[in-house]
Amino acid sequence: MAGVLSTFHRWRFWDGACAHLDADALMVLAGAAAARGRTRHATLLYERAGELGSFTAYAHAGRLYRDSGNARLAEISFRRGSDAGDAAAPIEVARCCDVRGDATETERWLALAAEQGDYVALEMLAQHAESAGDNARAEHFLREAAAAAGSYRGRPLRQLARLRAEAGDAEEARKLRASVAKGVQTVVRRPLQEIQQRRGGAAELERLLRQKVADAVAAGSRPGSHDLELLSEVCETNGEYEEAERLADQAARTGYPAVYRHLVAARGNRGEVRQAEALAVRAANAGDAESLWMIAEACPDDRRWQQIRHYGLEPDGTPSTAWW
């Protein structure tokens, strides 16, 4: 597959892929295309994979249609996925029906998703029941959602605790909140300034990171992507912009293209729009299109960036037009 991806920018490659690869290979290639912001080609590849028997492919295509603004084709794709046996597709159909304002169809599809163990569908059924004034039914769905969610049970338990408190059962509400506190906690990386303080200051942190990178190279191994990312951020903060990019490129080559996000944000915030855009495209080409969507979100009145946000990029990096 690495040899296939090396031809990523050749226009004729995509047609050949659709014609000659099997469903599994198409799914891998479609995922690579989507990660790189090549939305049109990713959708075509997912649809072809679905035709060849991948039951999950249609839901992937449906999400891309939805993100591009075509709700009708999104719903069609999700329904095809459900027909093919994809357990993740019914809740997506339910969301489409909800957007259309069809409450009956929404609940029917949510019930189907819930039967297949989708705890989010049970949460949504609880919301519908509460909106209808049926809190007892809402509690029933939330208890089922918590049981189905496993380590992700925190949200339905918090909602259930709220309903029990509103019903006057303070003791059960307290117990439910306590059980939430015992669950899995999300780990978020500390801001750079806090890391610097914990490591003895900015200069000491930079020295430690450079030493770790140098030791890894001397040992014939790859430096850690986290060390490269943090050192790149340090260099960007210090105004060493070329070194920050070099380190980001190195991290991307180790399989961590998300490293560019900080540089894109930093340069965008400084008003260096062209540099931010160039790095965002570089990140997308390396396998992380998130920087593209970051810029698009920050530029809601820029027609070109909204075009990229909805339709993605062509293989040569130019914005796609409406392709459906």
C-alpha atoms as a PDB file:
ATOM      1  CA  MET A   1       0.000   0.000   0.000  1.00  0.00           C
ATOM      2  CA  ALA A   2       2.960   2.368   0.586  1.00  0.00           C
ATOM      3  CA  GLY A   3       3.774   2.122  -3.139  1.00  0.00           C
ATOM      4  CA  VAL A   4       0.168   2.917  -3.953  1.00  0.00           C
ATOM      5  CA  LEU A   5       0.187   6.022  -1.767  1.00  0.00           C
ATOM      6  CA  SER A   6       3.389   7.273  -3.391  1.00  0.00           C
ATOM      7  CA  THR A   7       1.328   7.849  -6.543  1.00  0.00           C
ATOM      8  CA  PHE A   8      -1.283   9.806  -4.611  1.00  0.00           C
ATOM      9  CA  HIS A   9      -1.182  12.887  -6.836  1.00  0.00           C
ATOM     10  CA  ARG A  10      -1.527  11.129 -10.178  1.00  0.00           C
ATOM     11  CA  TRP A  11      -4.930  11.940 -11.575  1.00  0.00           C
ATOM     12  CA  ARG A  12      -5.467   8.635 -13.393  1.00  0.00           C
ATOM     13  CA  PHE A  13      -4.621   6.576 -10.362  1.00  0.00           C
ATOM     14  CA  TRP A  14      -8.044   7.005  -8.777  1.00  0.00           C
ATOM     15  CA  ASP A  15      -9.979   5.557 -11.696  1.00  0.00           C
ATOM     16  CA  GLY A  16      -7.608   2.612 -11.798  1.00  0.00           C
ATOM     17  CA  ALA A  17      -8.051   2.017  -8.080  1.00  0.00           C
ATOM     18  CA  CYS A  18     -11.824   1.887  -8.395  1.00  0.00           C
ATOM     19  CA  ALA A  19     -11.561  -0.535 -11.278  1.00  0.00           C
ATOM     20  CA  HIS A  20      -8.942  -2.967  -9.986  1.00  0.00           C
ATOM     21  CA  LEU A  21      -8.620  -3.007  -6.177  1.00  0.00           C
ATOM     22  CA  ASP A  22     -10.664  -5.222  -3.875  1.00  0.00           C
ATOM     23  CA  ALA A  23     -12.928  -3.917  -1.114  1.00  0.00           C
ATOM     24  CA  ASP A  24     -10.337  -4.100   1.676  1.00  0.00           C
ATOM     25  CA  ALA A  25      -7.704  -2.226  -0.331  1.00  0.00           C
ATOM     26  CA  LEU A  26     -10.281   0.364  -1.381  1.00  0.00           C
ATOM     27  CA  MET A  27     -11.242   0.968   2.253  1.00  0.00           C
ATOM     28  CA  VAL A  28      -7.607   1.605   3.192  1.00  0.00           C
ATOM     29  CA  LEU A  29      -7.121   3.922   0.250  1.00  0.00           C
ATOM     30  CA  ALA A  30     -10.397   5.733   0.894  1.00  0.00           C
ATOM     31  CA  GLY A  31      -9.360   6.337   4.500  1.00  0.00           C
ATOM     32  CA  ALA A  32      -6.029   7.724   3.316  1.00  0.00           C
ATOM     33  CA  ALA A  33      -7.817  10.014   0.861  1.00  0.00           C
ATOM     34  CA  ALA A  34     -10.231  11.273   3.520  1.00  0.00           C
ATOM     35  CA  ALA A  35      -7.396  11.904   5.982  1.00  0.00           C
ATOM     36  CA  ARG A  36      -5.707  14.013   3.321  1.00  0.00           C
ATOM     37  CA  GLY A  37      -8.784  16.104   2.586  1.00  0.00           C
ATOM     38  CA  ARG A  38      -9.385  14.470  -0.814  1.00  0.00           C
ATOM     39  CA  THR A  39     -13.091  14.176  -0.068  1.00  0.00           C
ATOM     40  CA  ARG A  40     -14.395  13.571  -3.584  1.00  0.00           C
ATOM     41  CA  HIS A  41     -12.079  10.664  -4.248  1.00  0.00           C
ATOM     42  CA  ALA A  42     -12.578   9.224  -0.775  1.00  0.00           C
ATOM     43  CA  THR A  43     -16.332   9.147  -1.349  1.00  0.00           C
ATOM     44  CA  LEU A  44     -15.980   7.427  -4.727  1.00  0.00           C
ATOM     45  CA  LEU A  45     -13.637   4.850  -3.241  1.00  0.00           C
ATOM     46  CA  TYR A  46     -15.948   4.156  -0.293  1.00  0.00           C
ATOM     47  CA  GLU A  47     -18.919   3.711  -2.612  1.00  0.00           C
ATOM     48  CA  ARG A  48     -16.982   1.289  -4.788  1.00  0.00           C
ATOM     49  CA  ALA A  49     -15.878  -0.631  -1.679  1.00  0.00           C
ATOM     50  CA  GLY A  50     -19.533  -0.855  -0.652  1.00  0.00           C
ATOM     51  CA  GLU A  51     -20.447  -2.246  -4.046  1.00  0.00           C
ATOM     52  CA  LEU A  52     -17.754  -4.895  -3.594  1.00  0.00           C
ATOM     53  CA  GLY A  53     -19.106  -5.997  -0.218  1.00  0.00           C
ATOM     54  CA  SER A  54     -17.712  -3.747   2.518  1.00  0.00           C
ATOM     55  CA  PHE A  55     -20.766  -3.193   4.737  1.00  0.00           C
ATOM     56  CA  THR A  56     -19.130  -0.272   6.613  1.00  0.00           C
ATOM     57  CA  ALA A  57     -18.181   1.680   3.488  1.00  0.00           C
ATOM     58  CA  TYR A  58     -21.552   3.332   2.914  1.00  0.00           C
ATOM     59  CA  ALA A  59     -21.606   4.970   6.355  1.00  0.00           C
ATOM     60  CA  HIS A  60     -18.186   6.476   5.668  1.00  0.00           C
ATOM     61  CA  ALA A  61     -19.444   7.809   2.338  1.00  0.00           C
ATOM     62  CA  GLY A  62     -22.577   9.130   4.040  1.00  0.00           C
ATOM     63  CA  ARG A  63     -20.561  11.147   6.554  1.00  0.00           C
ATOM     64  CA  LEU A  64     -18.545  12.706   3.746  1.00  0.00           C
ATOM     65  CA  TYR A  65     -21.726  13.579   1.835  1.00  0.00           C
ATOM     66  CA  ARG A  66     -23.177  15.094   5.014  1.00  0.00           C
ATOM     67  CA  ASP A  67     -20.051  17.143   5.669  1.00  0.00           C
ATOM     68  CA  SER A  68     -20.111  18.397   2.087  1.00  0.00           C
ATOM     69  CA  GLY A  69     -23.686  19.633   2.531  1.00  0.00           C
ATOM     70  CA  ASN A  70     -25.668  17.008   0.623  1.00  0.00           C
ATOM     71  CA  ALA A  71     -28.123  15.677   3.212  1.00  0.00           C
ATOM     72  CA  ARG A  72     -30.118  13.705   0.617  1.00  0.00           C
ATOM     73  CA  LEU A  73     -27.180  11.609  -0.609  1.00  0.00           C
ATOM     74  CA  ALA A  74     -25.959  11.239   2.962  1.00  0.00           C
ATOM     75  CA  GLU A  75     -29.235   9.664   4.019  1.00  0.00           C
ATOM     76  CA  ILE A  76     -29.285   7.404   0.966  1.00  0.00           C
ATOM     77  CA  SER A  77     -25.775   6.176   1.823  1.00  0.00           C
ATOM     78  CA  PHE A  78     -26.644   5.563   5.460  1.00  0.00           C
ATOM     79  CA  ARG A  79     -29.749   3.609   4.457  1.00  0.00           C
ATOM     80  CA  ARG A  80     -27.645   1.503   2.096  1.00  0.00           C
ATOM     81  CA  GLY A  81     -25.234   0.842   4.942  1.00  0.00           C
ATOM     82  CA  SER A  82     -28.065  -0.262   7.180  1.00  0.00           C
ATOM     83  CA  ASP A  83     -29.389  -2.557   4.464  1.00  0.00           C
ATOM     84  CA  ALA A  84     -25.892  -4.037   4.157  1.00  0.00           C
ATOM     85  CA  GLY A  85     -25.813  -4.821   7.879  1.00  0.00           C
ATOM     86  CA  ASP A  86     -23.715  -1.979   9.292  1.00  0.00           C
ATOM     87  CA  ALA A  87     -24.728  -1.554  12.957  1.00  0.00           C
ATOM     88  CA  ALA A  88     -23.417   2.033  12.936  1.00  0.00           C
ATOM     89  CA  ALA A  89     -25.687   3.128  10.084  1.00  0.00           C
ATOM     90  CA  PRO A  90     -29.180   3.217  11.710  1.00  0.00           C
ATOM     91  CA  ILE A  91     -28.298   5.993  14.133  1.00  0.00           C
ATOM     92  CA  GLU A  92     -26.950   8.034  11.224  1.00  0.00           C
ATOM     93  CA  VAL A  93     -30.258   7.555   9.373  1.00  0.00           C
ATOM     94  CA  ALA A  94     -32.008   8.645  12.566  1.00  0.00           C
ATOM     95  CA  ARG A  95     -29.940  11.841  12.659  1.00  0.00           C
ATOM     96  CA  CYS A  96     -30.891  12.572   9.055  1.00  0.00           C
ATOM     97  CA  CYS A  97     -34.570  12.083   9.868  1.00  0.00           C
ATOM     98  CA  ASP A  98     -34.196  14.291  12.932  1.00  0.00           C
ATOM     99  CA  VAL A  99     -32.739  17.101  10.827  1.00  0.00           C
ATOM    100  CA  ARG A 100     -35.692  16.744   8.441  1.00  0.00           C
ATOM    101  CA  GLY A 101     -38.058  17.028  11.403  1.00  0.00           C
ATOM    102  CA  ASP A 102     -39.559  13.554  10.976  1.00  0.00           C
ATOM    103  CA  ALA A 103     -39.973  12.536  14.630  1.00  0.00           C
ATOM    104  CA  THR A 104     -41.692   9.220  13.904  1.00  0.00           C
ATOM    105  CA  GLU A 105     -38.965   8.013  11.534  1.00  0.00           C
ATOM    106  CA  THR A 106     -36.275   9.332  13.882  1.00  0.00           C
ATOM    107  CA  GLU A 107     -37.536   7.265  16.792  1.00  0.00           C
ATOM    108  CA  ARG A 108     -38.040   4.195  14.615  1.00  0.00           C
ATOM    109  CA  TRP A 109     -34.427   4.284  13.461  1.00  0.00           C
ATOM    110  CA  LEU A 110     -33.155   5.085  16.945  1.00  0.00           C
ATOM    111  CA  ALA A 111     -35.004   2.041  18.272  1.00  0.00           C
ATOM    112  CA  LEU A 112     -33.355  -0.107  15.596  1.00  0.00           C
ATOM    113  CA  ALA A 113     -29.916   1.261  16.539  1.00  0.00           C
ATOM    114  CA  ALA A 114     -30.650   0.673  20.227  1.00  0.00           C
ATOM    115  CA  GLU A 115     -31.560  -2.953  19.526  1.00  0.00           C
ATOM    116  CA  GLN A 116     -28.050  -3.332  18.101  1.00  0.00           C
ATOM    117  CA  GLY A 117     -26.449  -2.010  21.290  1.00  0.00           C
ATOM    118  CA  ASP A 118     -25.845   1.617  20.296  1.00  0.00           C
ATOM    119  CA  TYR A 119     -25.814   3.503  23.608  1.00  0.00           C
ATOM    120  CA  VAL A 120     -25.859   6.893  21.856  1.00  0.00           C
ATOM    121  CA  ALA A 121     -29.186   5.906  20.276  1.00  0.00           C
ATOM    122  CA  LEU A 122     -30.510   5.136  23.742  1.00  0.00           C
ATOM    123  CA  GLU A 123     -29.338   8.561  24.936  1.00  0.00           C
ATOM    124  CA  MET A 124     -31.116  10.203  22.012  1.00  0.00           C
ATOM    125  CA  LEU A 125     -34.295   8.229  22.768  1.00  0.00           C
ATOM    126  CA  ALA A 126     -34.048   9.522  26.324  1.00  0.00           C
ATOM    127  CA  GLN A 127     -33.808  13.098  25.042  1.00  0.00           C
ATOM    128  CA  HIS A 128     -36.885  12.601  22.870  1.00  0.00           C
ATOM    129  CA  ALA A 129     -38.799  11.096  25.791  1.00  0.00           C
ATOM    130  CA  GLU A 130     -37.825  13.956  28.102  1.00  0.00           C
ATOM    131  CA  SER A 131     -38.820  16.523  25.468  1.00  0.00           C
ATOM    132  CA  ALA A 132     -42.223  14.812  25.321  1.00  0.00           C
ATOM    133  CA  GLY A 133     -42.525  15.113  29.111  1.00  0.00           C
ATOM    134  CA  ASP A 134     -42.084  11.390  29.782  1.00  0.00           C
ATOM    135  CA  ASN A 135     -39.235  11.451  32.312  1.00  0.00           C
ATOM    136  CA  ALA A 136     -39.885   7.904  33.505  1.00  0.00           C
ATOM    137  CA  ARG A 137     -39.299   6.605  29.990  1.00  0.00           C
ATOM    138  CA  ALA A 138     -36.250   8.872  29.648  1.00  0.00           C
ATOM    139  CA  GLU A 139     -34.771   7.360  32.827  1.00  0.00           C
ATOM    140  CA  HIS A 140     -35.394   3.871  31.474  1.00  0.00           C
ATOM    141  CA  PHE A 141     -33.439   4.648  28.307  1.00  0.00           C
ATOM    142  CA  LEU A 142     -30.610   6.305  30.248  1.00  0.00           C
ATOM    143  CA  ARG A 143     -30.203   3.270  32.509  1.00  0.00           C
ATOM    144  CA  GLU A 144     -30.000   1.060  29.431  1.00  0.00           C
ATOM    145  CA  ALA A 145     -27.521   3.482  27.837  1.00  0.00           C
ATOM    146  CA  ALA A 146     -25.273   3.414  30.902  1.00  0.00           C
ATOM    147  CA  ALA A 147     -25.318  -0.388  30.919  1.00  0.00           C
ATOM    148  CA  ALA A 148     -24.436  -0.527  27.208  1.00  0.00           C
ATOM    149  CA  ALA A 149     -21.789   2.224  27.278  1.00  0.00           C
ATOM    150  CA  GLY A 150     -19.261   0.508  29.534  1.00  0.00           C
ATOM    151  CA  SER A 151     -16.368   2.887  30.288  1.00  0.00           C
ATOM    152  CA  TYR A 152     -18.198   5.632  28.371  1.00  0.00           C
ATOM    153  CA  ARG A 153     -21.159   5.577  30.740  1.00  0.00           C
ATOM    154  CA  GLY A 154     -20.403   8.984  32.298  1.00  0.00           C
ATOM    155  CA  ARG A 155     -22.713  11.052  30.118  1.00  0.00           C
ATOM    156  CA  PRO A 156     -25.891   8.958  30.487  1.00  0.00           C
ATOM    157  CA  LEU A 157     -25.228   8.652  34.233  1.00  0.00           C
ATOM    158  CA  ARG A 158     -24.904  12.422  34.587  1.00  0.00           C
ATOM    159  CA  GLN A 159     -28.176  12.903  32.725  1.00  0.00           C
ATOM    160  CA  LEU A 160     -29.828  10.262  34.882  1.00  0.00           C
ATOM    161  CA  ALA A 161     -28.495  11.947  38.035  1.00  0.00           C
ATOM    162  CA  ARG A 162     -30.020  15.234  36.879  1.00  0.00           C
ATOM    163  CA  LEU A 163     -33.424  13.617  36.323  1.00  0.00           C
ATOM    164  CA  ARG A 164     -33.329  11.860  39.693  1.00  0.00           C
ATOM    165  CA  ALA A 165     -32.440  15.140  41.405  1.00  0.00           C
ATOM    166  CA  GLU A 166     -35.325  16.871  39.630  1.00  0.00           C
ATOM    167  CA  ALA A 167     -37.585  14.060  40.828  1.00  0.00           C
ATOM    168  CA  GLY A 168     -36.487  14.730  44.435  1.00  0.00           C
ATOM    169  CA  ASP A 169     -34.296  11.652  44.863  1.00  0.00           C
ATOM    170  CA  ALA A 170     -31.143  13.425  46.076  1.00  0.00           C
ATOM    171  CA  GLU A 171     -29.553  10.243  47.450  1.00  0.00           C
ATOM    172  CA  GLU A 172     -29.627   8.322  44.177  1.00  0.00           C
ATOM    173  CA  ALA A 173     -28.486  11.431  42.309  1.00  0.00           C
ATOM    174  CA  ARG A 174     -25.486  11.627  44.664  1.00  0.00           C
ATOM    175  CA  LYS A 175     -24.650   7.935  44.137  1.00  0.00           C
ATOM    176  CA  LEU A 176     -24.909   8.293  40.361  1.00  0.00           C
ATOM    177  CA  ARG A 177     -22.565  11.297  40.350  1.00  0.00           C
ATOM    178  CA  ALA A 178     -20.120   9.406  42.553  1.00  0.00           C
ATOM    179  CA  SER A 179     -20.087   6.467  40.110  1.00  0.00           C
ATOM    180  CA  VAL A 180     -19.318   8.900  37.271  1.00  0.00           C
ATOM    181  CA  ALA A 181     -16.264  10.174  39.179  1.00  0.00           C
ATOM    182  CA  LYS A 182     -14.862   6.614  39.249  1.00  0.00           C
ATOM    183  CA  GLY A 183     -14.952   6.304  35.468  1.00  0.00           C
ATOM    184  CA  VAL A 184     -12.232   6.798  32.871  1.00  0.00           C
ATOM    185  CA  GLN A 185     -10.879  10.332  32.836  1.00  0.00           C
ATOM    186  CA  THR A 186      -9.781  12.100  29.670  1.00  0.00           C
ATOM    187  CA  VAL A 187      -6.063  12.938  29.514  1.00  0.00           C
ATOM    188  CA  VAL A 188      -5.236  16.301  27.943  1.00  0.00           C
ATOM    189  CA  ARG A 189      -1.708  17.532  27.298  1.00  0.00           C
ATOM    190  CA  ARG A 190      -0.741  20.464  29.497  1.00  0.00           C
ATOM    191  CA  PRO A 191      -0.088  23.875  27.866  1.00  0.00           C
ATOM    192  CA  LEU A 192       3.525  24.579  26.922  1.00  0.00           C
ATOM    193  CA  GLN A 193       4.003  27.200  29.660  1.00  0.00           C
ATOM    194  CA  GLU A 194       2.929  24.734  32.341  1.00  0.00           C
ATOM    195  CA  ILE A 195       5.276  22.067  30.983  1.00  0.00           C
ATOM    196  CA  GLN A 196       8.122  24.602  31.008  1.00  0.00           C
ATOM    197  CA  GLN A 197       7.432  25.489  34.629  1.00  0.00           C
ATOM    198  CA  ARG A 198       7.425  21.831  35.646  1.00  0.00           C
ATOM    199  CA  ARG A 199      10.706  21.193  33.808  1.00  0.00           C
ATOM    200  CA  GLY A 200      12.690  24.098  35.232  1.00  0.00           C
ATOM    201  CA  GLY A 201      11.920  26.823  32.728  1.00  0.00           C
ATOM    202  CA  ALA A 202      11.892  27.293  28.957  1.00  0.00           C
ATOM    203  CA  ALA A 203      15.650  26.957  28.456  1.00  0.00           C
ATOM    204  CA  GLU A 204      15.878  23.781  30.545  1.00  0.00           C
ATOM    205  CA  LEU A 205      12.912  22.198  28.757  1.00  0.00           C
ATOM    206  CA  GLU A 206      14.487  22.929  25.372  1.00  0.00           C
ATOM    207  CA  ARG A 207      17.829  21.469  26.531  1.00  0.00           C
ATOM    208  CA  LEU A 208      16.149  18.296  27.782  1.00  0.00           C
ATOM    209  CA  LEU A 209      14.159  17.840  24.580  1.00  0.00           C
ATOM    210  CA  ARG A 210      17.167  18.394  22.323  1.00  0.00           C
ATOM    211  CA  GLN A 211      19.150  15.891  24.401  1.00  0.00           C
ATOM    212  CA  LYS A 212      16.390  13.274  24.118  1.00  0.00           C
ATOM    213  CA  VAL A 213      16.194  13.733  20.349  1.00  0.00           C
ATOM    214  CA  ALA A 214      19.988  13.571  19.992  1.00  0.00           C
ATOM    215  CA  ASP A 215      20.186  10.442  22.183  1.00  0.00           C
ATOM    216  CA  ALA A 216      17.561   8.697  20.061  1.00  0.00           C
ATOM    217  CA  VAL A 217      19.395   9.530  16.844  1.00  0.00           C
ATOM    218  CA  ALA A 218      22.726   8.398  18.328  1.00  0.00           C
ATOM    219  CA  ALA A 219      21.126   5.091  19.327  1.00  0.00           C
ATOM    220  CA  GLY A 220      19.875   4.557  15.790  1.00  0.00           C
ATOM    221  CA  SER A 221      16.208   4.889  16.736  1.00  0.00           C
ATOM    222  CA  ARG A 222      13.511   7.389  15.889  1.00  0.00           C
ATOM    223  CA  PRO A 223      12.957  10.298  18.279  1.00  0.00           C
ATOM    224  CA  GLY A 224       9.578  10.207  19.994  1.00  0.00           C
ATOM    225  CA  SER A 225       6.857  12.057  18.098  1.00  0.00           C
ATOM    226  CA  HIS A 226       5.766  13.798  21.315  1.00  0.00           C
ATOM    227  CA  ASP A 227       9.317  15.084  21.918  1.00  0.00           C
ATOM    228  CA  LEU A 228       9.546  16.359  18.351  1.00  0.00           C
ATOM    229  CA  GLU A 229       6.137  18.013  18.603  1.00  0.00           C
ATOM    230  CA  LEU A 230       6.982  19.761  21.864  1.00  0.00           C
ATOM    231  CA  LEU A 231      10.401  20.875  20.621  1.00  0.00           C
ATOM    232  CA  SER A 232       8.814  22.194  17.421  1.00  0.00           C
ATOM    233  CA  GLU A 233       6.386  24.201  19.545  1.00  0.00           C
ATOM    234  CA  VAL A 234       9.276  25.555  21.622  1.00  0.00           C
ATOM    235  CA  CYS A 235      11.137  26.635  18.485  1.00  0.00           C
ATOM    236  CA  GLU A 236       8.023  28.293  17.051  1.00  0.00           C
ATOM    237  CA  THR A 237       7.590  30.212  20.310  1.00  0.00           C
ATOM    238  CA  ASN A 238      11.253  31.268  20.160  1.00  0.00           C
ATOM    239  CA  GLY A 239      10.895  32.549  16.602  1.00  0.00           C
ATOM    240  CA  GLU A 240      12.978  29.718  15.122  1.00  0.00           C
ATOM    241  CA  TYR A 241      10.413  29.082  12.415  1.00  0.00           C
ATOM    242  CA  GLU A 242      12.507  27.023   9.989  1.00  0.00           C
ATOM    243  CA  GLU A 243      13.669  24.740  12.797  1.00  0.00           C
ATOM    244  CA  ALA A 244      10.060  24.379  13.996  1.00  0.00           C
ATOM    245  CA  GLU A 245       9.029  23.250  10.501  1.00  0.00           C
ATOM    246  CA  ARG A 246      11.990  20.882  10.181  1.00  0.00           C
ATOM    247  CA  LEU A 247      11.068  19.176  13.441  1.00  0.00           C
ATOM    248  CA  ALA A 248       7.409  19.010  12.417  1.00  0.00           C
ATOM    249  CA  ASP A 249       8.402  17.405   9.127  1.00  0.00           C
ATOM    250  CA  GLN A 250      10.463  14.868  11.064  1.00  0.00           C
ATOM    251  CA  ALA A 251       7.524  14.038  13.320  1.00  0.00           C
ATOM    252  CA  ALA A 252       5.215  13.712  10.318  1.00  0.00           C
ATOM    253  CA  ARG A 253       7.611  11.205   8.747  1.00  0.00           C
ATOM    254  CA  THR A 254       7.312   9.068  11.886  1.00  0.00           C
ATOM    255  CA  GLY A 255       3.555   8.874  11.317  1.00  0.00           C
ATOM    256  CA  TYR A 256       2.368  11.863  13.339  1.00  0.00           C
ATOM    257  CA  PRO A 257       1.137  14.528  10.870  1.00  0.00           C
ATOM    258  CA  ALA A 258      -1.032  16.185  13.552  1.00  0.00           C
ATOM    259  CA  VAL A 259       2.212  17.887  14.656  1.00  0.00           C
ATOM    260  CA  TYR A 260       1.524  20.712  12.183  1.00  0.00           C
ATOM    261  CA  ARG A 261      -1.645  21.886  13.914  1.00  0.00           C
ATOM    262  CA  HIS A 262       0.133  24.084  16.449  1.00  0.00           C
ATOM    263  CA  LEU A 263       2.269  25.727  13.761  1.00  0.00           C
ATOM    264  CA  VAL A 264      -0.795  26.410  11.610  1.00  0.00           C
ATOM    265  CA  ALA A 265      -2.637  27.963  14.550  1.00  0.00           C
ATOM    266  CA  ALA A 266       0.374  30.012  15.653  1.00  0.00           C
ATOM    267  CA  ARG A 267       0.997  31.465  12.204  1.00  0.00           C
ATOM    268  CA  GLY A 268      -2.649  32.093  11.564  1.00  0.00           C
ATOM    269  CA  ASN A 269      -2.910  33.965  14.852  1.00  0.00           C
ATOM    270  CA  ARG A 270       0.097  36.096  13.874  1.00  0.00           C
ATOM    271  CA  GLY A 271      -1.622  37.013  10.613  1.00  0.00           C
ATOM    272  CA  GLU A 272       0.772  34.944   8.478  1.00  0.00           C
ATOM    273  CA  VAL A 273      -2.051  33.563   6.383  1.00  0.00           C
ATOM    274  CA  ARG A 274      -0.037  32.233   3.445  1.00  0.00           C
ATOM    275  CA  GLN A 275       2.387  30.384   5.707  1.00  0.00           C
ATOM    276  CA  ALA A 276      -0.489  28.896   7.696  1.00  0.00           C
ATOM    277  CA  GLU A 277      -2.249  27.763   4.523  1.00  0.00           C
ATOM    278  CA  ALA A 278       0.922  26.190   3.113  1.00  0.00           C
ATOM    279  CA  LEU A 279       1.487  24.242   6.323  1.00  0.00           C
ATOM    280  CA  ALA A 280      -2.144  23.140   6.415  1.00  0.00           C
ATOM    281  CA  VAL A 281      -1.846  21.700   2.898  1.00  0.00           C
ATOM    282  CA  ARG A 282       1.452  20.058   3.881  1.00  0.00           C
ATOM    283  CA  ALA A 283      -0.278  18.486   6.873  1.00  0.00           C
ATOM    284  CA  ALA A 284      -3.130  17.244   4.697  1.00  0.00           C
ATOM    285  CA  ASN A 285      -0.709  15.720   2.221  1.00  0.00           C
ATOM    286  CA  ALA A 286       0.983  13.942   5.135  1.00  0.00           C
ATOM    287  CA  GLY A 287      -2.314  12.480   6.340  1.00  0.00           C
ATOM    288  CA  ASP A 288      -3.970  15.008   8.659  1.00  0.00           C
ATOM    289  CA  ALA A 289      -6.554  17.342   7.116  1.00  0.00           C
ATOM    290  CA  GLU A 290      -7.612  18.792  10.479  1.00  0.00           C
ATOM    291  CA  SER A 291      -5.529  21.930   9.912  1.00  0.00           C
ATOM    292  CA  LEU A 292      -7.514  22.637   6.750  1.00  0.00           C
ATOM    293  CA  TRP A 293     -10.767  22.477   8.691  1.00  0.00           C
ATOM    294  CA  MET A 294      -9.252  24.684  11.433  1.00  0.00           C
ATOM    295  CA  ILE A 295      -8.537  27.442   8.926  1.00  0.00           C
ATOM    296  CA  ALA A 296     -11.927  27.039   7.246  1.00  0.00           C
ATOM    297  CA  GLU A 297     -13.664  27.369  10.603  1.00  0.00           C
ATOM    298  CA  ALA A 298     -11.654  30.508  11.340  1.00  0.00           C
ATOM    299  CA  CYS A 299     -12.571  32.022   7.950  1.00  0.00           C
ATOM    300  CA  PRO A 300     -16.382  31.687   7.721  1.00  0.00           C
ATOM    301  CA  ASP A 301     -16.651  34.546   5.190  1.00  0.00           C
ATOM    302  CA  ASP A 302     -13.869  33.324   2.886  1.00  0.00           C
ATOM    303  CA  ARG A 303     -15.564  31.620  -0.060  1.00  0.00           C
ATOM    304  CA  ARG A 304     -12.444  29.718  -1.081  1.00  0.00           C
ATOM    305  CA  TRP A 305     -11.970  28.210   2.381  1.00  0.00           C
ATOM    306  CA  GLN A 306     -15.631  27.365   2.709  1.00  0.00           C
ATOM    307  CA  GLN A 307     -15.349  25.602  -0.637  1.00  0.00           C
ATOM    308  CA  ILE A 308     -12.431  23.552   0.756  1.00  0.00           C
ATOM    309  CA  ARG A 309     -14.364  22.856   3.936  1.00  0.00           C
ATOM    310  CA  HIS A 310     -17.333  21.438   2.034  1.00  0.00           C
ATOM    311  CA  TYR A 311     -15.699  19.743  -0.936  1.00  0.00           C
ATOM    312  CA  GLY A 312     -12.069  19.118   0.035  1.00  0.00           C
ATOM    313  CA  LEU A 313      -9.033  19.163  -2.238  1.00  0.00           C
ATOM    314  CA  GLU A 314      -8.185  17.649  -5.570  1.00  0.00           C
ATOM    315  CA  PRO A 315      -5.083  15.397  -5.783  1.00  0.00           C
ATOM    316  CA  ASP A 316      -2.964  18.365  -6.901  1.00  0.00           C
ATOM    317  CA  GLY A 317      -3.995  20.416  -3.842  1.00  0.00           C
ATOM    318  CA  THR A 318      -6.455  22.757  -5.554  1.00  0.00           C
ATOM    319  CA  PRO A 319      -9.946  23.203  -4.019  1.00  0.00           C
ATOM    320  CA  SER A 320     -12.593  20.810  -5.289  1.00  0.00           C
ATOM    321  CA  THR A 321     -15.929  22.058  -6.544  1.00  0.00           C
ATOM    322  CA  ALA A 322     -19.295  20.413  -5.816  1.00  0.00           C
ATOM    323  CA  TRP A 323     -18.771  16.817  -6.956  1.00  0.00           C
ATOM    324  CA  TRP A 324     -22.151  15.215  -6.241  1.00  0.00           C
END
